[in-house]
Amino acid sequence: MTVNPSKRYWLYIAAFIEIGIKSVILIFSTTNDYTTFEVIKWLNYFGESNVFRINSDESNNIIFNICGNDFTIQVDRQFIELSKIRAVWYRKGANWLGGQFKEVTINGHPRLASHLKKKIEKENHKLSEYIHYIIEQRIPVLGSAFKYDLNKLIILDIAKSVGLHTPEFYILNEKQSIRDLVKYGEQYVTK
């Protein structure tokens, strides 16, 4: 008996996902990001208890099951079905889903091993890119997997242009300008 790939996909999901699982908020971040901890605390405070976090600097065991433009991801023992993801926040980091292919070593053939390693890295990148593309097409997303190093000055300008209250800021590259600014006793945050 042959089972078509689509049916096999749904059989797989039915076997591993509890019926009636709540929707999940998925956060991509890094392990020690304090802001992510605080946001999760606030989400819990407001009744959002099903928040799942994937950190780019942790080596998670991730299993993908992709069928067309739908998928299930198993991160360690947690299953995440695309249709159950209610929102995604790309907070910090990159390559959250990477590193899923085994390292290739071929004794006595370093050039071949190097070539295969590059091919695997490229495939890994393309797979991760596809999954994030599907997420960004189908789910409300804050941030982007593809633009993770945003220019905060541009973000402040956009925020101000849509009416959000933003802090006043100065960009100075001369000591005298800084002295002139702080001589009035105001307090500033510097970076």
C-alpha atoms as a PDB file:
ATOM      1  CA  MET A   1       0.000   0.000   0.000  1.00  0.00           C
ATOM      2  CA  THR A   2       1.385   3.402  -0.979  1.00  0.00           C
ATOM      3  CA  VAL A   3       0.465   6.461   1.072  1.00  0.00           C
ATOM      4  CA  ASN A   4       0.691   9.798  -0.717  1.00  0.00           C
ATOM      5  CA  PRO A   5       3.118  12.308   0.863  1.00  0.00           C
ATOM      6  CA  SER A   6       0.370  14.682   1.993  1.00  0.00           C
ATOM      7  CA  LYS A   7      -1.537  11.935   3.790  1.00  0.00           C
ATOM      8  CA  ARG A   8       1.688  10.626   5.338  1.00  0.00           C
ATOM      9  CA  TYR A   9       2.373  14.140   6.653  1.00  0.00           C
ATOM     10  CA  TRP A  10      -1.006  14.363   8.393  1.00  0.00           C
ATOM     11  CA  LEU A  11      -0.701  10.844   9.777  1.00  0.00           C
ATOM     12  CA  TYR A  12       2.645  11.888  11.245  1.00  0.00           C
ATOM     13  CA  ILE A  13       1.083  14.956  12.832  1.00  0.00           C
ATOM     14  CA  ALA A  14      -1.867  13.012  14.219  1.00  0.00           C
ATOM     15  CA  ALA A  15       0.520  10.519  15.785  1.00  0.00           C
ATOM     16  CA  PHE A  16       2.529  13.112  17.662  1.00  0.00           C
ATOM     17  CA  ILE A  17       0.416  16.180  18.354  1.00  0.00           C
ATOM     18  CA  GLU A  18      -2.254  16.237  20.993  1.00  0.00           C
ATOM     19  CA  ILE A  19      -5.745  17.004  19.741  1.00  0.00           C
ATOM     20  CA  GLY A  20      -6.835  20.457  20.892  1.00  0.00           C
ATOM     21  CA  ILE A  21      -3.354  21.854  21.450  1.00  0.00           C
ATOM     22  CA  LYS A  22      -3.488  25.591  22.031  1.00  0.00           C
ATOM     23  CA  SER A  23      -1.978  28.053  19.665  1.00  0.00           C
ATOM     24  CA  VAL A  24       1.571  29.047  20.453  1.00  0.00           C
ATOM     25  CA  ILE A  25       3.598  32.226  20.337  1.00  0.00           C
ATOM     26  CA  LEU A  26       7.037  31.418  18.989  1.00  0.00           C
ATOM     27  CA  ILE A  27      10.045  33.564  19.934  1.00  0.00           C
ATOM     28  CA  PHE A  28      13.448  33.301  18.267  1.00  0.00           C
ATOM     29  CA  SER A  29      16.160  34.762  20.497  1.00  0.00           C
ATOM     30  CA  THR A  30      19.434  34.069  22.301  1.00  0.00           C
ATOM     31  CA  THR A  31      19.943  32.339  25.633  1.00  0.00           C
ATOM     32  CA  ASN A  32      20.795  35.260  27.910  1.00  0.00           C
ATOM     33  CA  ASP A  33      18.650  37.974  26.340  1.00  0.00           C
ATOM     34  CA  TYR A  34      17.048  39.762  29.295  1.00  0.00           C
ATOM     35  CA  THR A  35      14.392  41.502  27.188  1.00  0.00           C
ATOM     36  CA  THR A  36      13.098  38.157  25.942  1.00  0.00           C
ATOM     37  CA  PHE A  37      12.742  36.946  29.544  1.00  0.00           C
ATOM     38  CA  GLU A  38      10.819  40.087  30.464  1.00  0.00           C
ATOM     39  CA  VAL A  39       8.497  39.874  27.456  1.00  0.00           C
ATOM     40  CA  ILE A  40       7.716  36.227  28.238  1.00  0.00           C
ATOM     41  CA  LYS A  41       6.915  37.215  31.837  1.00  0.00           C
ATOM     42  CA  TRP A  42       4.513  39.888  30.539  1.00  0.00           C
ATOM     43  CA  LEU A  43       2.919  37.465  28.088  1.00  0.00           C
ATOM     44  CA  ASN A  44       2.373  35.012  30.955  1.00  0.00           C
ATOM     45  CA  TYR A  45       0.941  37.824  33.095  1.00  0.00           C
ATOM     46  CA  PHE A  46      -1.579  38.569  30.336  1.00  0.00           C
ATOM     47  CA  GLY A  47      -2.587  34.910  30.117  1.00  0.00           C
ATOM     48  CA  GLU A  48      -0.362  33.775  27.244  1.00  0.00           C
ATOM     49  CA  SER A  49       1.021  30.613  28.791  1.00  0.00           C
ATOM     50  CA  ASN A  50       1.904  28.763  25.598  1.00  0.00           C
ATOM     51  CA  VAL A  51       5.058  30.654  24.593  1.00  0.00           C
ATOM     52  CA  PHE A  52       7.870  28.677  23.006  1.00  0.00           C
ATOM     53  CA  ARG A  53      11.406  30.006  22.663  1.00  0.00           C
ATOM     54  CA  ILE A  54      14.150  28.835  20.304  1.00  0.00           C
ATOM     55  CA  ASN A  55      17.620  30.219  21.030  1.00  0.00           C
ATOM     56  CA  SER A  56      20.170  30.508  18.254  1.00  0.00           C
ATOM     57  CA  ASP A  57      23.099  29.853  20.580  1.00  0.00           C
ATOM     58  CA  GLU A  58      21.788  26.516  21.866  1.00  0.00           C
ATOM     59  CA  SER A  59      22.223  23.239  20.043  1.00  0.00           C
ATOM     60  CA  ASN A  60      18.664  21.983  19.869  1.00  0.00           C
ATOM     61  CA  ASN A  61      17.703  18.647  18.391  1.00  0.00           C
ATOM     62  CA  ILE A  62      15.315  19.771  15.656  1.00  0.00           C
ATOM     63  CA  ILE A  63      13.312  17.427  13.442  1.00  0.00           C
ATOM     64  CA  PHE A  64      11.512  18.881  10.429  1.00  0.00           C
ATOM     65  CA  ASN A  65       8.530  17.403   8.639  1.00  0.00           C
ATOM     66  CA  ILE A  66       7.776  19.590   5.651  1.00  0.00           C
ATOM     67  CA  CYS A  67       5.068  18.866   3.116  1.00  0.00           C
ATOM     68  CA  GLY A  68       4.574  21.598   0.510  1.00  0.00           C
ATOM     69  CA  ASN A  69       4.206  24.867   2.352  1.00  0.00           C
ATOM     70  CA  ASP A  70       3.097  23.313   5.635  1.00  0.00           C
ATOM     71  CA  PHE A  71       5.317  21.851   8.317  1.00  0.00           C
ATOM     72  CA  THR A  72       5.785  20.527  11.797  1.00  0.00           C
ATOM     73  CA  ILE A  73       8.956  21.158  13.753  1.00  0.00           C
ATOM     74  CA  GLN A  74       9.970  19.100  16.735  1.00  0.00           C
ATOM     75  CA  VAL A  75      12.403  20.973  18.971  1.00  0.00           C
ATOM     76  CA  ASP A  76      13.769  18.547  21.529  1.00  0.00           C
ATOM     77  CA  ARG A  77      10.437  17.041  22.692  1.00  0.00           C
ATOM     78  CA  GLN A  78       8.117  19.937  21.799  1.00  0.00           C
ATOM     79  CA  PHE A  79       6.077  19.710  18.581  1.00  0.00           C
ATOM     80  CA  ILE A  80       5.158  22.929  16.802  1.00  0.00           C
ATOM     81  CA  GLU A  81       2.681  22.768  13.939  1.00  0.00           C
ATOM     82  CA  LEU A  82       2.628  25.734  11.544  1.00  0.00           C
ATOM     83  CA  SER A  83      -1.152  26.103  11.807  1.00  0.00           C
ATOM     84  CA  LYS A  84      -0.879  26.320  15.608  1.00  0.00           C
ATOM     85  CA  ILE A  85       1.620  29.189  15.596  1.00  0.00           C
ATOM     86  CA  ARG A  86      -0.356  32.357  16.333  1.00  0.00           C
ATOM     87  CA  ALA A  87       2.504  34.856  16.246  1.00  0.00           C
ATOM     88  CA  VAL A  88       6.285  34.949  15.865  1.00  0.00           C
ATOM     89  CA  TRP A  89       8.843  37.365  17.256  1.00  0.00           C
ATOM     90  CA  TYR A  90      12.313  37.383  15.768  1.00  0.00           C
ATOM     91  CA  ARG A  91      14.088  38.990  18.710  1.00  0.00           C
ATOM     92  CA  LYS A  92      17.811  38.246  18.456  1.00  0.00           C
ATOM     93  CA  GLY A  93      20.279  35.969  16.803  1.00  0.00           C
ATOM     94  CA  ALA A  94      20.269  34.134  13.506  1.00  0.00           C
ATOM     95  CA  ASN A  95      20.409  30.586  12.225  1.00  0.00           C
ATOM     96  CA  TRP A  96      17.986  29.346  14.906  1.00  0.00           C
ATOM     97  CA  LEU A  97      17.123  26.234  12.925  1.00  0.00           C
ATOM     98  CA  GLY A  98      20.599  25.596  11.567  1.00  0.00           C
ATOM     99  CA  GLY A  99      23.158  22.962  12.351  1.00  0.00           C
ATOM    100  CA  GLN A 100      20.803  20.041  11.841  1.00  0.00           C
ATOM    101  CA  PHE A 101      23.010  18.025   9.488  1.00  0.00           C
ATOM    102  CA  LYS A 102      25.811  15.827  10.788  1.00  0.00           C
ATOM    103  CA  GLU A 103      29.433  16.860  10.217  1.00  0.00           C
ATOM    104  CA  VAL A 104      31.116  14.974   7.419  1.00  0.00           C
ATOM    105  CA  THR A 105      34.567  13.520   7.995  1.00  0.00           C
ATOM    106  CA  ILE A 106      36.323  11.321   5.465  1.00  0.00           C
ATOM    107  CA  ASN A 107      39.735  10.141   6.584  1.00  0.00           C
ATOM    108  CA  GLY A 108      42.365  10.724   3.948  1.00  0.00           C
ATOM    109  CA  HIS A 109      40.111  12.957   1.830  1.00  0.00           C
ATOM    110  CA  PRO A 110      40.109  16.440   3.365  1.00  0.00           C
ATOM    111  CA  ARG A 111      39.155  18.208   0.103  1.00  0.00           C
ATOM    112  CA  LEU A 112      36.122  15.972  -0.410  1.00  0.00           C
ATOM    113  CA  ALA A 113      35.089  16.416   3.236  1.00  0.00           C
ATOM    114  CA  SER A 114      35.467  20.194   2.892  1.00  0.00           C
ATOM    115  CA  HIS A 115      33.397  20.191  -0.303  1.00  0.00           C
ATOM    116  CA  LEU A 116      30.630  18.118   1.312  1.00  0.00           C
ATOM    117  CA  LYS A 117      30.677  20.342   4.404  1.00  0.00           C
ATOM    118  CA  LYS A 118      30.103  23.425   2.215  1.00  0.00           C
ATOM    119  CA  LYS A 119      27.262  21.674   0.366  1.00  0.00           C
ATOM    120  CA  ILE A 120      25.620  20.665   3.648  1.00  0.00           C
ATOM    121  CA  GLU A 121      25.947  24.205   5.050  1.00  0.00           C
ATOM    122  CA  LYS A 122      24.321  25.572   1.900  1.00  0.00           C
ATOM    123  CA  GLU A 123      21.446  23.058   2.129  1.00  0.00           C
ATOM    124  CA  ASN A 124      21.029  23.840   5.822  1.00  0.00           C
ATOM    125  CA  HIS A 125      20.827  27.547   5.052  1.00  0.00           C
ATOM    126  CA  LYS A 126      18.279  27.019   2.258  1.00  0.00           C
ATOM    127  CA  LEU A 127      16.074  24.820   4.460  1.00  0.00           C
ATOM    128  CA  SER A 128      16.120  27.367   7.282  1.00  0.00           C
ATOM    129  CA  GLU A 129      15.465  30.182   4.811  1.00  0.00           C
ATOM    130  CA  TYR A 130      12.448  28.318   3.389  1.00  0.00           C
ATOM    131  CA  ILE A 131      10.915  27.646   6.803  1.00  0.00           C
ATOM    132  CA  HIS A 132      11.291  31.291   7.835  1.00  0.00           C
ATOM    133  CA  TYR A 133       9.852  32.383   4.480  1.00  0.00           C
ATOM    134  CA  ILE A 134       6.749  30.216   5.054  1.00  0.00           C
ATOM    135  CA  ILE A 135       6.407  31.586   8.603  1.00  0.00           C
ATOM    136  CA  GLU A 136       6.600  35.188   7.389  1.00  0.00           C
ATOM    137  CA  GLN A 137       4.038  34.524   4.646  1.00  0.00           C
ATOM    138  CA  ARG A 138       1.427  32.853   6.857  1.00  0.00           C
ATOM    139  CA  ILE A 139       1.769  34.182  10.398  1.00  0.00           C
ATOM    140  CA  PRO A 140       1.841  37.649  11.995  1.00  0.00           C
ATOM    141  CA  VAL A 141       5.536  38.346  12.586  1.00  0.00           C
ATOM    142  CA  LEU A 142       7.428  40.961  14.553  1.00  0.00           C
ATOM    143  CA  GLY A 143      10.909  41.383  13.130  1.00  0.00           C
ATOM    144  CA  SER A 144      12.386  39.239  10.403  1.00  0.00           C
ATOM    145  CA  ALA A 145      14.647  36.231  10.133  1.00  0.00           C
ATOM    146  CA  PHE A 146      16.246  37.918   7.149  1.00  0.00           C
ATOM    147  CA  LYS A 147      16.811  41.359   8.671  1.00  0.00           C
ATOM    148  CA  TYR A 148      18.014  40.581  12.168  1.00  0.00           C
ATOM    149  CA  ASP A 149      20.566  43.395  12.427  1.00  0.00           C
ATOM    150  CA  LEU A 150      18.248  46.374  12.124  1.00  0.00           C
ATOM    151  CA  ASN A 151      19.382  49.982  12.204  1.00  0.00           C
ATOM    152  CA  LYS A 152      17.897  51.366  15.425  1.00  0.00           C
ATOM    153  CA  LEU A 153      18.052  54.931  14.129  1.00  0.00           C
ATOM    154  CA  ILE A 154      15.861  54.007  11.171  1.00  0.00           C
ATOM    155  CA  ILE A 155      13.482  52.118  13.472  1.00  0.00           C
ATOM    156  CA  LEU A 156      13.201  55.199  15.714  1.00  0.00           C
ATOM    157  CA  ASP A 157      12.432  57.351  12.685  1.00  0.00           C
ATOM    158  CA  ILE A 158       9.721  54.953  11.473  1.00  0.00           C
ATOM    159  CA  ALA A 159       8.237  54.744  14.969  1.00  0.00           C
ATOM    160  CA  LYS A 160       8.102  58.529  15.205  1.00  0.00           C
ATOM    161  CA  SER A 161       6.540  58.801  11.720  1.00  0.00           C
ATOM    162  CA  VAL A 162       3.586  56.623  12.784  1.00  0.00           C
ATOM    163  CA  GLY A 163       2.985  58.625  15.956  1.00  0.00           C
ATOM    164  CA  LEU A 164       4.790  56.572  18.595  1.00  0.00           C
ATOM    165  CA  HIS A 165       6.522  58.435  21.390  1.00  0.00           C
ATOM    166  CA  THR A 166      10.255  58.000  20.984  1.00  0.00           C
ATOM    167  CA  PRO A 167      13.128  59.332  23.049  1.00  0.00           C
ATOM    168  CA  GLU A 168      15.006  62.341  21.786  1.00  0.00           C
ATOM    169  CA  PHE A 169      18.496  61.398  20.692  1.00  0.00           C
ATOM    170  CA  TYR A 170      21.707  63.031  19.588  1.00  0.00           C
ATOM    171  CA  ILE A 171      24.460  61.674  17.405  1.00  0.00           C
ATOM    172  CA  LEU A 172      27.700  63.485  18.084  1.00  0.00           C
ATOM    173  CA  ASN A 173      31.207  62.666  16.960  1.00  0.00           C
ATOM    174  CA  GLU A 174      33.124  65.560  18.477  1.00  0.00           C
ATOM    175  CA  LYS A 175      34.124  65.989  22.127  1.00  0.00           C
ATOM    176  CA  GLN A 176      33.254  69.698  22.259  1.00  0.00           C
ATOM    177  CA  SER A 177      29.722  69.008  21.024  1.00  0.00           C
ATOM    178  CA  ILE A 178      29.293  66.457  23.803  1.00  0.00           C
ATOM    179  CA  ARG A 179      30.639  68.898  26.404  1.00  0.00           C
ATOM    180  CA  ASP A 180      28.226  71.570  25.174  1.00  0.00           C
ATOM    181  CA  LEU A 181      25.312  69.153  25.463  1.00  0.00           C
ATOM    182  CA  VAL A 182      26.022  67.904  28.999  1.00  0.00           C
ATOM    183  CA  LYS A 183      27.045  71.218  30.569  1.00  0.00           C
ATOM    184  CA  TYR A 184      23.417  71.977  31.467  1.00  0.00           C
ATOM    185  CA  GLY A 185      23.247  69.106  33.954  1.00  0.00           C
ATOM    186  CA  GLU A 186      20.840  66.899  32.027  1.00  0.00           C
ATOM    187  CA  GLN A 187      21.251  63.125  32.276  1.00  0.00           C
ATOM    188  CA  TYR A 188      21.762  61.043  29.138  1.00  0.00           C
ATOM    189  CA  VAL A 189      22.159  57.459  28.160  1.00  0.00           C
ATOM    190  CA  THR A 190      25.209  57.001  25.953  1.00  0.00           C
ATOM    191  CA  LYS A 191      26.209  54.275  23.616  1.00  0.00           C
END
